[in-house]
Amino acid sequence: DLHHHCIYSSPVFGGDDDVVESPKEVANSMMAMGLRYGALSDHHNVLNHDYWRACKRDDFTPIVSKEISTSNGHVMQMGVEKDVIYKIPNDEHRTDEYLRAEFVRITDEIKANGGLPQINHPRDLQRSISWNPDFEDMLDIFETMEIWNGSAPMMVGSTDYAAYELWLKCLRRGLFLPATTGSDTHNIAADDYHVLYDNILDTYDLIKENKSELEEKYPEETHVFELICESLLPILEKWAETCLTSGGVRTYIHAGTDREPKNLLQTLKSGHSFLTNGPILIPTVNGKLPGEKLDGEKDLHIDIKLLSNRKLKKLEVHSENGLLKEIELDAKKENGFYDYSQKIDQTINSEDRFVYFIAKSDCTNLVISNPVICG
């Protein structure tokens, strides 16, 4: 889990988030979810670093981190001890030239200190924490991109899906920013959605009690709210129950036996990884893993390892030009999981420069690989 907060993001320590868990509680939460590494990425300060490093175990590697708040997006400084500061100017000095220079300065500082600069949730609804579209031409200053933030489901119309589309846009213009996930957990109990959910259902009950009157005065609004409650809320409730908390979404990396932070960050930067809230997806294409490059071959021999403890519906093969192949999945559950592993032969067009893979049932059971580069 590469994006998690603790009490050092709270107002007590100069932050804005109502977080109460200590670094040790976060580490225990991550380990209880089966995670082998994690970054604790508080806002505004690096006060968690000593406590976070102390959580190291034989089977868990803590990575020091900080989420840098700017007025045009959030930047992660993974693997850096010092407190990198983005200097937000006052209004009279607030020019695009200044803001761009600050982003270049802090990402250069992160790299110079052996860290990995990542752009977080680049399509958030809040403008101050979403990447400025005017600055898309300079995304190459980052080394990874969080396309799947655990605060929202990965589904069409969501902020995560918009981030996924931005990632694809970068790939199509030749910029490979390995994709990552992060839970962005502010509450390891993951029970804070209940209040909002119950309020929505209470409102829906009132609408049903006064439906005829509301349909006469507000026909479109009433219809839309009914659709939300009947079609969207059930999947959102399922997503909240299964995908929130530490490691609800996670980034698996092909790191070998070296679990020191430096190697883990290098593996993330290489894109030898996949993103998931459940299934395991390890594709090889002509013997190459995600993040690796083919030698110009267009006839692809694809070996898919795909395991899930819940049923999956389909496997998708994507290239630069869109969906290449969709495969309906079927398997029997054995030894506690479904094995959908298979081999695929696929020819791509000469202009296809990458292939990647998605397997899913819905947004609560989904896995996305980083791409194999085709040249």
Protein backbone atom coordinates (compact mmCIF):
# COMPACT_ATOMS: atom_id res chain seq x y z
CA ASP A 1 0.00 0.00 0.00
CA LEU A 2 1.78 3.12 -1.26
CA HIS A 3 -0.60 5.79 0.04
CA HIS A 4 -1.71 5.76 3.67
CA HIS A 5 -2.15 8.37 6.40
CA CYS A 6 -1.82 8.34 10.17
CA ILE A 7 -2.24 10.77 13.05
CA TYR A 8 0.60 12.94 11.72
CA SER A 9 -1.79 14.14 8.99
CA SER A 10 -4.20 15.41 11.65
CA PRO A 11 -4.69 19.01 12.86
CA VAL A 12 -2.69 18.14 15.99
CA PHE A 13 0.41 18.08 13.78
CA GLY A 14 -0.55 20.83 11.35
CA GLY A 15 -2.62 18.72 8.96
CA ASP A 16 -6.22 18.85 7.84
CA ASP A 17 -7.34 15.21 8.12
CA ASP A 18 -9.18 13.55 10.98
CA VAL A 19 -6.83 10.59 11.42
CA VAL A 20 -6.23 8.99 14.81
CA GLU A 21 -4.12 5.87 14.12
CA SER A 22 -0.44 5.74 15.07
CA PRO A 23 2.22 4.51 12.63
CA LYS A 24 2.38 1.21 14.54
CA GLU A 25 -1.39 0.73 14.20
CA VAL A 26 -1.14 1.41 10.47
CA ALA A 27 1.71 -1.11 10.13
CA ASN A 28 -0.30 -3.72 12.03
CA SER A 29 -3.29 -3.02 9.80
CA MET A 30 -1.18 -3.45 6.65
CA MET A 31 0.41 -6.66 7.92
CA ALA A 32 -2.99 -8.02 8.96
CA MET A 33 -4.05 -7.54 5.32
CA GLY A 34 -1.07 -9.62 4.21
CA LEU A 35 0.99 -6.75 2.82
CA ARG A 36 4.76 -7.11 2.56
CA TYR A 37 5.61 -3.44 2.11
CA GLY A 38 3.96 -0.06 2.52
CA ALA A 39 4.51 3.68 2.45
CA LEU A 40 3.15 5.97 5.16
CA SER A 41 2.53 9.24 3.35
CA ASP A 42 1.38 11.98 5.66
CA HIS A 43 0.73 15.56 4.64
CA HIS A 44 2.77 18.59 5.66
CA ASN A 45 5.53 16.86 7.64
CA VAL A 46 7.84 13.84 7.99
CA LEU A 47 7.25 13.32 11.72
CA ASN A 48 6.18 9.70 11.18
CA HIS A 49 9.49 8.58 9.65
CA ASP A 50 11.33 7.30 12.75
CA TYR A 51 8.22 5.50 14.01
CA TRP A 52 7.51 4.05 10.58
CA ARG A 53 11.03 2.68 10.08
CA ALA A 54 10.74 1.04 13.51
CA CYS A 55 7.86 -1.06 12.15
CA LYS A 56 10.21 -3.10 9.95
CA ARG A 57 9.81 -6.86 10.27
CA ASP A 58 11.28 -9.83 8.40
CA ASP A 59 8.16 -9.94 6.25
CA PHE A 60 7.29 -6.23 6.12
CA THR A 61 9.29 -3.34 4.66
CA PRO A 62 8.22 0.21 5.60
CA ILE A 63 9.03 2.91 3.02
CA VAL A 64 9.30 6.46 4.34
CA SER A 65 7.23 8.92 2.36
CA LYS A 66 5.34 12.20 2.40
CA GLU A 67 2.44 13.53 0.36
CA ILE A 68 3.39 17.06 -0.67
CA SER A 69 0.44 19.41 -0.93
CA THR A 70 0.58 21.98 -3.70
CA SER A 71 -2.14 24.15 -5.18
CA ASN A 72 -2.10 22.12 -8.42
CA GLY A 73 -1.89 18.52 -7.30
CA HIS A 74 -0.41 16.19 -4.71
CA VAL A 75 3.11 14.84 -5.14
CA MET A 76 4.51 11.81 -3.31
CA GLN A 77 8.12 11.77 -2.17
CA MET A 78 8.74 8.07 -1.60
CA GLY A 79 12.01 6.99 -0.04
CA VAL A 80 13.21 10.47 0.96
CA GLU A 81 14.18 11.27 4.55
CA LYS A 82 14.18 15.07 4.33
CA ASP A 83 11.09 17.25 4.30
CA VAL A 84 10.74 18.44 0.71
CA ILE A 85 8.66 21.63 0.63
CA TYR A 86 6.67 23.00 -2.30
CA LYS A 87 6.61 26.77 -1.82
CA ILE A 88 3.10 27.98 -2.64
CA PRO A 89 3.32 31.63 -3.70
CA ASN A 90 1.03 34.47 -2.76
CA ASP A 91 -1.37 35.72 -5.43
CA GLU A 92 0.88 38.43 -6.86
CA HIS A 93 3.67 35.90 -7.60
CA ARG A 94 1.37 33.10 -8.73
CA THR A 95 2.35 32.56 -12.36
CA ASP A 96 2.46 29.39 -14.42
CA GLU A 97 6.19 29.89 -14.81
CA TYR A 98 6.71 29.92 -11.03
CA LEU A 99 4.41 26.93 -10.40
CA ARG A 100 6.09 24.85 -13.10
CA ALA A 101 9.53 25.71 -11.75
CA GLU A 102 8.50 24.60 -8.26
CA PHE A 103 7.31 21.22 -9.54
CA VAL A 104 10.60 20.72 -11.37
CA ARG A 105 12.56 21.78 -8.29
CA ILE A 106 10.83 19.43 -5.85
CA THR A 107 10.88 16.41 -8.18
CA ASP A 108 14.57 17.05 -8.88
CA GLU A 109 15.16 17.27 -5.12
CA ILE A 110 13.34 13.98 -4.54
CA LYS A 111 15.41 12.22 -7.22
CA ALA A 112 18.68 13.77 -5.94
CA ASN A 113 17.91 12.28 -2.51
CA GLY A 114 17.39 8.79 -3.93
CA GLY A 115 13.60 8.96 -3.89
CA LEU A 116 10.78 8.39 -6.30
CA PRO A 117 8.47 11.31 -7.21
CA GLN A 118 4.90 10.24 -7.94
CA ILE A 119 1.84 12.22 -9.01
CA ASN A 120 -1.17 11.23 -6.89
CA HIS A 121 -4.87 11.09 -7.87
CA PRO A 122 -4.31 13.42 -10.88
CA ARG A 123 -8.02 13.70 -11.69
CA ASP A 124 -9.51 14.40 -8.26
CA LEU A 125 -12.66 16.54 -8.14
CA GLN A 126 -10.93 19.06 -5.87
CA ARG A 127 -8.90 21.37 -8.06
CA SER A 128 -6.19 21.99 -5.47
CA ILE A 129 -5.29 18.29 -5.22
CA SER A 130 -5.83 17.42 -8.90
CA TRP A 131 -3.07 17.83 -11.47
CA ASN A 132 -3.50 21.02 -13.48
CA PRO A 133 -4.45 20.04 -17.07
CA ASP A 134 -2.39 23.01 -18.29
CA PHE A 135 0.70 21.22 -16.96
CA GLU A 136 0.18 17.86 -18.69
CA ASP A 137 3.15 18.54 -20.96
CA MET A 138 5.49 18.25 -17.96
CA LEU A 139 4.27 14.96 -16.47
CA ASP A 140 7.62 13.44 -17.45
CA ILE A 141 9.14 14.97 -14.29
CA PHE A 142 7.42 12.15 -12.35
CA GLU A 143 8.46 8.49 -12.26
CA THR A 144 5.13 6.84 -11.37
CA MET A 145 1.45 7.80 -11.44
CA GLU A 146 -1.25 6.79 -8.97
CA ILE A 147 -4.14 5.93 -11.29
CA TRP A 148 -6.21 3.98 -8.75
CA ASN A 149 -6.84 5.76 -5.48
CA GLY A 150 -8.69 3.72 -2.89
CA SER A 151 -10.98 6.56 -1.89
CA ALA A 152 -13.11 5.86 -5.00
CA PRO A 153 -13.93 2.80 -7.12
CA MET A 154 -12.30 2.23 -10.50
CA MET A 155 -15.36 2.47 -12.72
CA VAL A 156 -16.42 4.54 -15.72
CA GLY A 157 -17.25 8.08 -14.66
CA SER A 158 -15.11 8.03 -11.51
CA THR A 159 -12.05 10.13 -10.79
CA ASP A 160 -9.95 6.95 -10.88
CA TYR A 161 -11.18 6.14 -14.37
CA ALA A 162 -10.29 9.66 -15.47
CA ALA A 163 -6.77 9.11 -14.03
CA TYR A 164 -6.56 5.80 -15.89
CA GLU A 165 -7.46 7.62 -19.12
CA LEU A 166 -4.75 10.23 -18.44
CA TRP A 167 -2.24 7.39 -17.94
CA LEU A 168 -3.27 5.92 -21.31
CA LYS A 169 -2.96 9.33 -22.92
CA CYS A 170 0.62 9.53 -21.65
CA LEU A 171 1.40 6.03 -22.93
CA ARG A 172 0.06 6.91 -26.36
CA ARG A 173 2.36 9.90 -26.59
CA GLY A 174 5.32 7.76 -25.60
CA LEU A 175 5.53 8.56 -21.89
CA PHE A 176 5.54 5.43 -19.74
CA LEU A 177 4.72 6.36 -16.14
CA PRO A 178 4.27 3.03 -14.33
CA ALA A 179 0.82 2.94 -12.76
CA THR A 180 0.37 2.40 -9.03
CA THR A 181 -2.45 2.17 -6.52
CA GLY A 182 -2.76 3.41 -2.97
CA SER A 183 -5.58 3.04 -0.48
CA ASP A 184 -5.31 6.66 0.74
CA THR A 185 -6.70 5.30 4.00
CA HIS A 186 -7.49 7.84 6.71
CA ASN A 187 -9.38 5.37 8.88
CA ILE A 188 -8.29 1.73 9.16
CA ALA A 189 -11.73 0.77 10.55
CA ALA A 190 -13.22 1.84 7.18
CA ASP A 191 -16.59 2.53 8.79
CA ASP A 192 -16.99 6.23 8.02
CA TYR A 193 -18.99 5.68 4.82
CA HIS A 194 -22.00 4.43 6.81
CA VAL A 195 -23.13 7.91 7.85
CA LEU A 196 -23.27 9.21 4.28
CA TYR A 197 -24.84 6.00 3.01
CA ASP A 198 -27.56 6.07 5.67
CA ASN A 199 -28.29 9.74 4.94
CA ILE A 200 -28.77 8.94 1.26
CA LEU A 201 -31.14 6.09 2.05
CA ASP A 202 -33.11 8.30 4.46
CA THR A 203 -33.46 10.87 1.68
CA TYR A 204 -34.60 8.13 -0.71
CA ASP A 205 -37.31 7.05 1.75
CA LEU A 206 -38.59 10.63 1.89
CA ILE A 207 -38.62 10.81 -1.91
CA LYS A 208 -40.64 7.60 -2.17
CA GLU A 209 -43.14 8.91 0.38
CA ASN A 210 -43.63 12.10 -1.66
CA LYS A 211 -42.96 10.70 -5.11
CA SER A 212 -46.00 11.98 -7.00
CA GLU A 213 -45.51 15.54 -5.81
CA LEU A 214 -41.75 15.51 -6.48
CA GLU A 215 -42.15 13.96 -9.93
CA GLU A 216 -44.51 16.76 -10.88
CA LYS A 217 -42.16 19.53 -9.67
CA TYR A 218 -38.74 17.91 -10.28
CA PRO A 219 -39.22 15.00 -12.71
CA GLU A 220 -35.64 14.76 -13.97
CA GLU A 221 -33.99 15.15 -10.55
CA THR A 222 -36.31 12.57 -8.99
CA HIS A 223 -35.60 10.06 -11.76
CA VAL A 224 -31.82 10.53 -11.49
CA PHE A 225 -31.84 10.13 -7.71
CA GLU A 226 -33.89 6.93 -8.04
CA LEU A 227 -31.39 5.57 -10.56
CA ILE A 228 -28.51 6.36 -8.22
CA CYS A 229 -30.19 4.62 -5.29
CA GLU A 230 -31.35 1.56 -7.21
CA SER A 231 -28.46 1.00 -9.63
CA LEU A 232 -25.34 2.69 -8.29
CA LEU A 233 -25.62 2.51 -4.49
CA PRO A 234 -25.62 -1.33 -4.26
CA ILE A 235 -22.30 -1.59 -6.11
CA LEU A 236 -20.85 1.29 -4.10
CA GLU A 237 -21.87 -0.40 -0.85
CA LYS A 238 -20.26 -3.65 -2.01
CA TRP A 239 -17.12 -1.72 -2.97
CA ALA A 240 -16.99 0.08 0.40
CA GLU A 241 -17.40 -3.18 2.31
CA THR A 242 -14.68 -5.04 0.37
CA CYS A 243 -12.16 -2.45 -0.83
CA LEU A 244 -11.74 0.19 1.86
CA THR A 245 -9.07 0.15 4.63
CA SER A 246 -5.33 -0.57 4.43
CA GLY A 247 -4.40 -2.55 1.35
CA GLY A 248 -7.92 -2.45 -0.05
CA VAL A 249 -6.14 -1.66 -3.29
CA ARG A 250 -2.50 -2.68 -3.60
CA THR A 251 0.45 -2.72 -5.94
CA TYR A 252 2.23 -6.05 -6.40
CA ILE A 253 5.82 -5.83 -7.62
CA HIS A 254 8.20 -8.42 -9.08
CA ALA A 255 11.03 -7.53 -6.71
CA GLY A 256 12.91 -10.80 -6.21
CA THR A 257 14.45 -11.52 -2.82
CA ASP A 258 15.82 -8.02 -2.16
CA ARG A 259 13.17 -6.27 -0.04
CA GLU A 260 15.15 -3.19 0.89
CA PRO A 261 13.31 0.09 0.16
CA LYS A 262 15.79 1.12 -2.54
CA ASN A 263 15.11 -2.04 -4.58
CA LEU A 264 11.35 -1.81 -4.05
CA LEU A 265 11.33 1.77 -5.36
CA GLN A 266 13.48 0.80 -8.35
CA THR A 267 11.04 -2.02 -9.15
CA LEU A 268 8.10 0.38 -8.92
CA LYS A 269 9.90 2.77 -11.26
CA SER A 270 10.50 -0.08 -13.72
CA GLY A 271 6.81 -0.95 -13.88
CA HIS A 272 7.27 -4.65 -13.04
CA SER A 273 3.90 -4.61 -11.33
CA PHE A 274 0.14 -4.97 -11.33
CA LEU A 275 -2.65 -3.19 -9.44
CA THR A 276 -5.47 -5.05 -7.76
CA ASN A 277 -8.18 -5.19 -5.12
CA GLY A 278 -8.18 -8.98 -5.22
CA PRO A 279 -7.03 -11.03 -8.21
CA ILE A 280 -3.44 -11.97 -9.04
CA LEU A 281 -2.42 -11.26 -12.66
CA ILE A 282 1.10 -12.00 -13.90
CA PRO A 283 1.36 -11.77 -17.69
CA THR A 284 4.44 -12.52 -19.76
CA VAL A 285 4.58 -11.57 -23.44
CA ASN A 286 7.25 -13.41 -25.44
CA GLY A 287 8.96 -13.97 -22.10
CA LYS A 288 8.79 -10.31 -21.04
CA LEU A 289 7.11 -9.02 -17.88
CA PRO A 290 5.23 -5.71 -17.55
CA GLY A 291 7.67 -2.84 -17.72
CA GLU A 292 10.03 -4.75 -20.01
CA LYS A 293 10.49 -4.16 -23.74
CA LEU A 294 10.04 -6.51 -26.67
CA ASP A 295 12.43 -6.57 -29.61
CA GLY A 296 9.89 -5.32 -32.12
CA GLU A 297 7.90 -8.57 -32.38
CA LYS A 298 4.29 -8.25 -33.53
CA ASP A 299 3.31 -11.92 -33.08
CA LEU A 300 2.77 -12.22 -29.35
CA HIS A 301 2.80 -15.39 -27.31
CA ILE A 302 1.11 -14.44 -24.07
CA ASP A 303 1.26 -16.54 -20.91
CA ILE A 304 -1.29 -15.40 -18.32
CA LYS A 305 -1.19 -16.42 -14.67
CA LEU A 306 -4.57 -15.33 -13.29
CA LEU A 307 -5.85 -16.40 -9.87
CA SER A 308 -8.78 -15.10 -7.85
CA ASN A 309 -10.62 -16.12 -4.69
CA ARG A 310 -13.82 -14.67 -6.16
CA LYS A 311 -15.27 -15.35 -9.60
CA LEU A 312 -14.02 -13.26 -12.50
CA LYS A 313 -16.06 -12.63 -15.63
CA LYS A 314 -13.60 -11.55 -18.31
CA LEU A 315 -10.01 -11.01 -19.29
CA GLU A 316 -9.16 -8.12 -21.61
CA VAL A 317 -6.10 -7.67 -23.81
CA HIS A 318 -5.49 -3.98 -24.56
CA SER A 319 -3.05 -2.23 -26.87
CA GLU A 320 -2.33 1.33 -27.88
CA ASN A 321 -5.33 1.23 -30.20
CA GLY A 322 -7.82 -0.09 -27.66
CA LEU A 323 -9.31 -3.44 -26.77
CA LEU A 324 -7.69 -6.26 -28.78
CA LYS A 325 -9.45 -9.24 -27.29
CA GLU A 326 -12.05 -10.01 -24.63
CA ILE A 327 -12.16 -13.50 -23.17
CA GLU A 328 -15.06 -14.82 -21.10
CA LEU A 329 -13.72 -16.62 -18.05
CA ASP A 330 -14.87 -19.86 -16.52
CA ALA A 331 -13.22 -22.08 -13.93
CA LYS A 332 -14.07 -24.23 -10.94
CA LYS A 333 -12.96 -23.20 -7.48
CA GLU A 334 -10.26 -25.52 -6.23
CA ASN A 335 -8.12 -25.20 -3.10
CA GLY A 336 -9.94 -21.96 -2.24
CA PHE A 337 -9.42 -20.06 -5.48
CA TYR A 338 -10.21 -19.94 -9.19
CA ASP A 339 -7.39 -20.51 -11.66
CA TYR A 340 -8.02 -18.73 -14.96
CA SER A 341 -4.45 -19.06 -16.22
CA GLN A 342 -4.11 -19.51 -19.97
CA LYS A 343 -1.99 -18.97 -23.07
CA ILE A 344 -2.99 -16.55 -25.84
CA ASP A 345 -1.52 -15.95 -29.29
CA GLN A 346 -2.17 -12.45 -30.53
CA THR A 347 -0.90 -10.39 -33.46
CA ILE A 348 -0.70 -6.63 -33.02
CA ASN A 349 -0.48 -3.81 -35.53
CA SER A 350 2.82 -2.21 -36.43
CA GLU A 351 1.75 1.02 -34.67
CA ASP A 352 0.90 -0.71 -31.37
CA ARG A 353 3.63 0.26 -28.91
CA PHE A 354 2.34 -1.47 -25.78
CA VAL A 355 0.00 -4.15 -24.48
CA TYR A 356 -1.52 -4.52 -21.03
CA PHE A 357 -4.17 -6.68 -19.38
CA ILE A 358 -7.29 -6.25 -17.26
CA ALA A 359 -9.35 -8.95 -15.53
CA LYS A 360 -12.54 -8.24 -13.64
CA SER A 361 -16.02 -9.09 -12.52
CA ASP A 362 -16.85 -5.55 -11.39
CA CYS A 363 -15.10 -2.67 -9.59
CA THR A 364 -14.85 -4.77 -6.41
CA ASN A 365 -12.86 -7.56 -8.09
CA LEU A 366 -10.46 -6.03 -10.58
CA VAL A 367 -6.82 -6.22 -11.61
CA ILE A 368 -4.82 -4.11 -14.09
CA SER A 369 -1.28 -4.85 -15.26
CA ASN A 370 1.32 -2.35 -16.27
CA PRO A 371 2.18 -2.59 -19.98
CA VAL A 372 4.72 -4.64 -21.82
CA ILE A 373 6.40 -2.20 -24.21
CA CYS A 374 6.32 -3.33 -27.82
CA GLY A 375 8.70 -0.77 -29.31
